[in-house]
Amino acid sequence: MAKLTKEELLKSIEEMSVLELSDFVKTLEEKFGVSASAMMASAPAAAATGAQAGEPVEEQTVFNVVVASSGANKIAVIKALRELVPTLGLKEAKDLVDAAPKEVMTQVNKKTAEEAKAKLIAAGATVELK
């Protein structure tokens, strides 16, 4: 088999149908024990963040959950808050809700912060992540 140049290989790939290209990628993954999907998923994210200012931008990984206001249904917010922070007693949870805006969770990861925010919003509170 004659050795192809990069240009010839790229031209051959460009001429493939989507089905042929998919099969070609699967074959490469099997032959070399790699996965193209992991690289493809991270490449656009890296390009989007790095291209904005020309400098690497650090994504926030630690959040504080702040109840901005308890809304009309304070009891539901207190219950949700006690589910999220089991160490809070009824009085402490009520005091936090009454003292809004108040930080209710500190230094939590993004997933935990988003879940807490969703629960508190569902209960009727206005929540901010900082």
C-alpha atoms as a PDB file:
ATOM      1  CA  MET A   1       0.000   0.000   0.000  1.00  0.00           C
ATOM      2  CA  ALA A   2       1.371   3.384  -0.987  1.00  0.00           C
ATOM      3  CA  LYS A   3       1.826   5.939   1.754  1.00  0.00           C
ATOM      4  CA  LEU A   4      -0.724   8.777   1.601  1.00  0.00           C
ATOM      5  CA  THR A   5       0.154  12.379   2.265  1.00  0.00           C
ATOM      6  CA  LYS A   6      -1.823  14.339   4.822  1.00  0.00           C
ATOM      7  CA  GLU A   7      -3.558  16.259   2.051  1.00  0.00           C
ATOM      8  CA  GLU A   8      -4.609  13.060   0.256  1.00  0.00           C
ATOM      9  CA  LEU A   9      -5.909  11.557   3.492  1.00  0.00           C
ATOM     10  CA  LEU A  10      -7.882  14.700   4.326  1.00  0.00           C
ATOM     11  CA  LYS A  11      -9.331  14.792   0.811  1.00  0.00           C
ATOM     12  CA  SER A  12     -10.449  11.163   1.167  1.00  0.00           C
ATOM     13  CA  ILE A  13     -12.087  11.925   4.506  1.00  0.00           C
ATOM     14  CA  GLU A  14     -13.839  15.002   3.097  1.00  0.00           C
ATOM     15  CA  GLU A  15     -15.397  12.858   0.370  1.00  0.00           C
ATOM     16  CA  MET A  16     -16.863  10.320   2.839  1.00  0.00           C
ATOM     17  CA  SER A  17     -20.553  10.231   3.637  1.00  0.00           C
ATOM     18  CA  VAL A  18     -21.638  10.666   7.252  1.00  0.00           C
ATOM     19  CA  LEU A  19     -22.234   6.928   7.595  1.00  0.00           C
ATOM     20  CA  GLU A  20     -18.806   6.095   6.154  1.00  0.00           C
ATOM     21  CA  LEU A  21     -17.157   8.666   8.401  1.00  0.00           C
ATOM     22  CA  SER A  22     -18.906   7.256  11.470  1.00  0.00           C
ATOM     23  CA  ASP A  23     -17.737   3.760  10.600  1.00  0.00           C
ATOM     24  CA  PHE A  24     -14.204   5.082   9.987  1.00  0.00           C
ATOM     25  CA  VAL A  25     -14.116   6.750  13.421  1.00  0.00           C
ATOM     26  CA  LYS A  26     -15.334   3.548  15.113  1.00  0.00           C
ATOM     27  CA  THR A  27     -12.607   1.592  13.348  1.00  0.00           C
ATOM     28  CA  LEU A  28      -9.945   4.075  14.500  1.00  0.00           C
ATOM     29  CA  GLU A  29     -11.258   3.939  18.076  1.00  0.00           C
ATOM     30  CA  GLU A  30     -11.114   0.140  18.098  1.00  0.00           C
ATOM     31  CA  LYS A  31      -7.705  -0.077  16.429  1.00  0.00           C
ATOM     32  CA  PHE A  32      -5.963   2.455  18.690  1.00  0.00           C
ATOM     33  CA  GLY A  33      -8.037   2.036  21.876  1.00  0.00           C
ATOM     34  CA  VAL A  34      -9.100   5.672  22.033  1.00  0.00           C
ATOM     35  CA  SER A  35     -12.368   7.576  22.142  1.00  0.00           C
ATOM     36  CA  ALA A  36     -12.980  10.580  19.907  1.00  0.00           C
ATOM     37  CA  SER A  37     -16.047  11.746  21.839  1.00  0.00           C
ATOM     38  CA  ALA A  38     -14.156  12.811  24.979  1.00  0.00           C
ATOM     39  CA  MET A  39     -11.800  15.041  23.044  1.00  0.00           C
ATOM     40  CA  MET A  40     -14.560  16.511  20.906  1.00  0.00           C
ATOM     41  CA  ALA A  41     -16.688  17.378  23.939  1.00  0.00           C
ATOM     42  CA  SER A  42     -13.890  19.169  25.760  1.00  0.00           C
ATOM     43  CA  ALA A  43     -12.461  20.999  22.757  1.00  0.00           C
ATOM     44  CA  PRO A  44     -15.378  23.428  22.188  1.00  0.00           C
ATOM     45  CA  ALA A  45     -15.540  24.257  25.898  1.00  0.00           C
ATOM     46  CA  ALA A  46     -11.828  24.996  26.010  1.00  0.00           C
ATOM     47  CA  ALA A  47     -12.049  27.075  22.848  1.00  0.00           C
ATOM     48  CA  ALA A  48     -15.014  29.069  24.152  1.00  0.00           C
ATOM     49  CA  THR A  49     -13.423  29.998  27.466  1.00  0.00           C
ATOM     50  CA  GLY A  50      -9.916  30.639  26.159  1.00  0.00           C
ATOM     51  CA  ALA A  51     -10.970  32.668  23.145  1.00  0.00           C
ATOM     52  CA  GLN A  52     -12.948  35.282  25.081  1.00  0.00           C
ATOM     53  CA  ALA A  53     -10.110  37.323  26.531  1.00  0.00           C
ATOM     54  CA  GLY A  54      -7.088  35.512  25.201  1.00  0.00           C
ATOM     55  CA  GLU A  55      -6.306  34.359  28.740  1.00  0.00           C
ATOM     56  CA  PRO A  56      -7.402  31.212  30.540  1.00  0.00           C
ATOM     57  CA  VAL A  57     -10.561  31.825  32.544  1.00  0.00           C
ATOM     58  CA  GLU A  58     -11.052  29.819  35.717  1.00  0.00           C
ATOM     59  CA  GLU A  59     -14.551  28.481  36.220  1.00  0.00           C
ATOM     60  CA  GLN A  60     -15.962  28.947  39.698  1.00  0.00           C
ATOM     61  CA  THR A  61     -16.079  25.607  41.492  1.00  0.00           C
ATOM     62  CA  VAL A  62     -17.068  26.606  45.034  1.00  0.00           C
ATOM     63  CA  PHE A  63     -20.325  28.390  45.780  1.00  0.00           C
ATOM     64  CA  ASN A  64     -22.233  29.918  48.671  1.00  0.00           C
ATOM     65  CA  VAL A  65     -26.023  29.510  48.648  1.00  0.00           C
ATOM     66  CA  VAL A  66     -27.829  32.667  49.775  1.00  0.00           C
ATOM     67  CA  VAL A  67     -31.562  32.930  50.468  1.00  0.00           C
ATOM     68  CA  ALA A  68     -32.388  36.438  49.207  1.00  0.00           C
ATOM     69  CA  SER A  69     -36.012  36.291  50.381  1.00  0.00           C
ATOM     70  CA  SER A  70     -38.291  33.625  51.773  1.00  0.00           C
ATOM     71  CA  GLY A  71     -41.292  34.504  49.647  1.00  0.00           C
ATOM     72  CA  ALA A  72     -44.891  33.973  50.735  1.00  0.00           C
ATOM     73  CA  ASN A  73     -44.520  30.374  51.939  1.00  0.00           C
ATOM     74  CA  LYS A  74     -41.959  30.578  54.764  1.00  0.00           C
ATOM     75  CA  ILE A  75     -42.918  27.184  56.198  1.00  0.00           C
ATOM     76  CA  ALA A  76     -42.073  25.365  52.949  1.00  0.00           C
ATOM     77  CA  VAL A  77     -38.763  27.237  52.730  1.00  0.00           C
ATOM     78  CA  ILE A  78     -37.929  26.304  56.341  1.00  0.00           C
ATOM     79  CA  LYS A  79     -38.707  22.638  55.595  1.00  0.00           C
ATOM     80  CA  ALA A  80     -36.556  22.676  52.456  1.00  0.00           C
ATOM     81  CA  LEU A  81     -33.742  24.369  54.358  1.00  0.00           C
ATOM     82  CA  ARG A  82     -33.857  21.724  57.096  1.00  0.00           C
ATOM     83  CA  GLU A  83     -33.669  18.982  54.431  1.00  0.00           C
ATOM     84  CA  LEU A  84     -30.591  20.616  52.936  1.00  0.00           C
ATOM     85  CA  VAL A  85     -28.871  21.336  56.257  1.00  0.00           C
ATOM     86  CA  PRO A  86     -29.943  18.551  58.636  1.00  0.00           C
ATOM     87  CA  THR A  87     -27.958  20.015  61.541  1.00  0.00           C
ATOM     88  CA  LEU A  88     -30.286  23.028  61.685  1.00  0.00           C
ATOM     89  CA  GLY A  89     -33.007  22.937  64.271  1.00  0.00           C
ATOM     90  CA  LEU A  90     -36.429  24.408  63.616  1.00  0.00           C
ATOM     91  CA  LYS A  91     -35.611  27.679  65.389  1.00  0.00           C
ATOM     92  CA  GLU A  92     -32.267  28.104  63.587  1.00  0.00           C
ATOM     93  CA  ALA A  93     -33.864  27.449  60.194  1.00  0.00           C
ATOM     94  CA  LYS A  94     -36.683  29.915  60.960  1.00  0.00           C
ATOM     95  CA  ASP A  95     -34.149  32.544  62.095  1.00  0.00           C
ATOM     96  CA  LEU A  96     -32.164  32.103  58.856  1.00  0.00           C
ATOM     97  CA  VAL A  97     -35.292  32.483  56.722  1.00  0.00           C
ATOM     98  CA  ASP A  98     -36.480  35.520  58.703  1.00  0.00           C
ATOM     99  CA  ALA A  99     -33.059  37.179  58.424  1.00  0.00           C
ATOM    100  CA  ALA A 100     -32.969  36.951  54.596  1.00  0.00           C
ATOM    101  CA  PRO A 101     -30.833  37.754  52.698  1.00  0.00           C
ATOM    102  CA  LYS A 102     -28.740  35.180  54.522  1.00  0.00           C
ATOM    103  CA  GLU A 103     -26.073  32.670  53.525  1.00  0.00           C
ATOM    104  CA  VAL A 104     -27.356  29.157  54.243  1.00  0.00           C
ATOM    105  CA  MET A 105     -24.636  26.958  52.719  1.00  0.00           C
ATOM    106  CA  THR A 106     -20.982  27.893  52.294  1.00  0.00           C
ATOM    107  CA  GLN A 107     -18.170  26.482  50.188  1.00  0.00           C
ATOM    108  CA  VAL A 108     -20.213  23.786  48.408  1.00  0.00           C
ATOM    109  CA  ASN A 109     -19.564  22.350  44.958  1.00  0.00           C
ATOM    110  CA  LYS A 110     -21.577  23.406  41.910  1.00  0.00           C
ATOM    111  CA  LYS A 111     -23.823  20.329  41.850  1.00  0.00           C
ATOM    112  CA  THR A 112     -24.785  20.671  45.519  1.00  0.00           C
ATOM    113  CA  ALA A 113     -25.374  24.408  45.116  1.00  0.00           C
ATOM    114  CA  GLU A 114     -27.610  23.893  42.061  1.00  0.00           C
ATOM    115  CA  GLU A 115     -29.628  21.183  43.844  1.00  0.00           C
ATOM    116  CA  ALA A 116     -30.061  23.393  46.922  1.00  0.00           C
ATOM    117  CA  LYS A 117     -31.096  26.329  44.760  1.00  0.00           C
ATOM    118  CA  ALA A 118     -33.676  24.222  42.917  1.00  0.00           C
ATOM    119  CA  LYS A 119     -35.150  22.888  46.179  1.00  0.00           C
ATOM    120  CA  LEU A 120     -35.389  26.306  47.779  1.00  0.00           C
ATOM    121  CA  ILE A 121     -36.883  27.904  44.667  1.00  0.00           C
ATOM    122  CA  ALA A 122     -39.456  25.105  44.480  1.00  0.00           C
ATOM    123  CA  ALA A 123     -40.385  25.935  48.083  1.00  0.00           C
ATOM    124  CA  GLY A 124     -40.914  29.596  47.133  1.00  0.00           C
ATOM    125  CA  ALA A 125     -37.643  31.289  48.111  1.00  0.00           C
ATOM    126  CA  THR A 126     -35.521  33.617  46.031  1.00  0.00           C
ATOM    127  CA  VAL A 127     -31.987  32.185  45.941  1.00  0.00           C
ATOM    128  CA  GLU A 128     -28.611  33.436  44.728  1.00  0.00           C
ATOM    129  CA  LEU A 129     -25.372  31.536  44.193  1.00  0.00           C
ATOM    130  CA  LYS A 130     -22.210  33.470  44.985  1.00  0.00           C
END
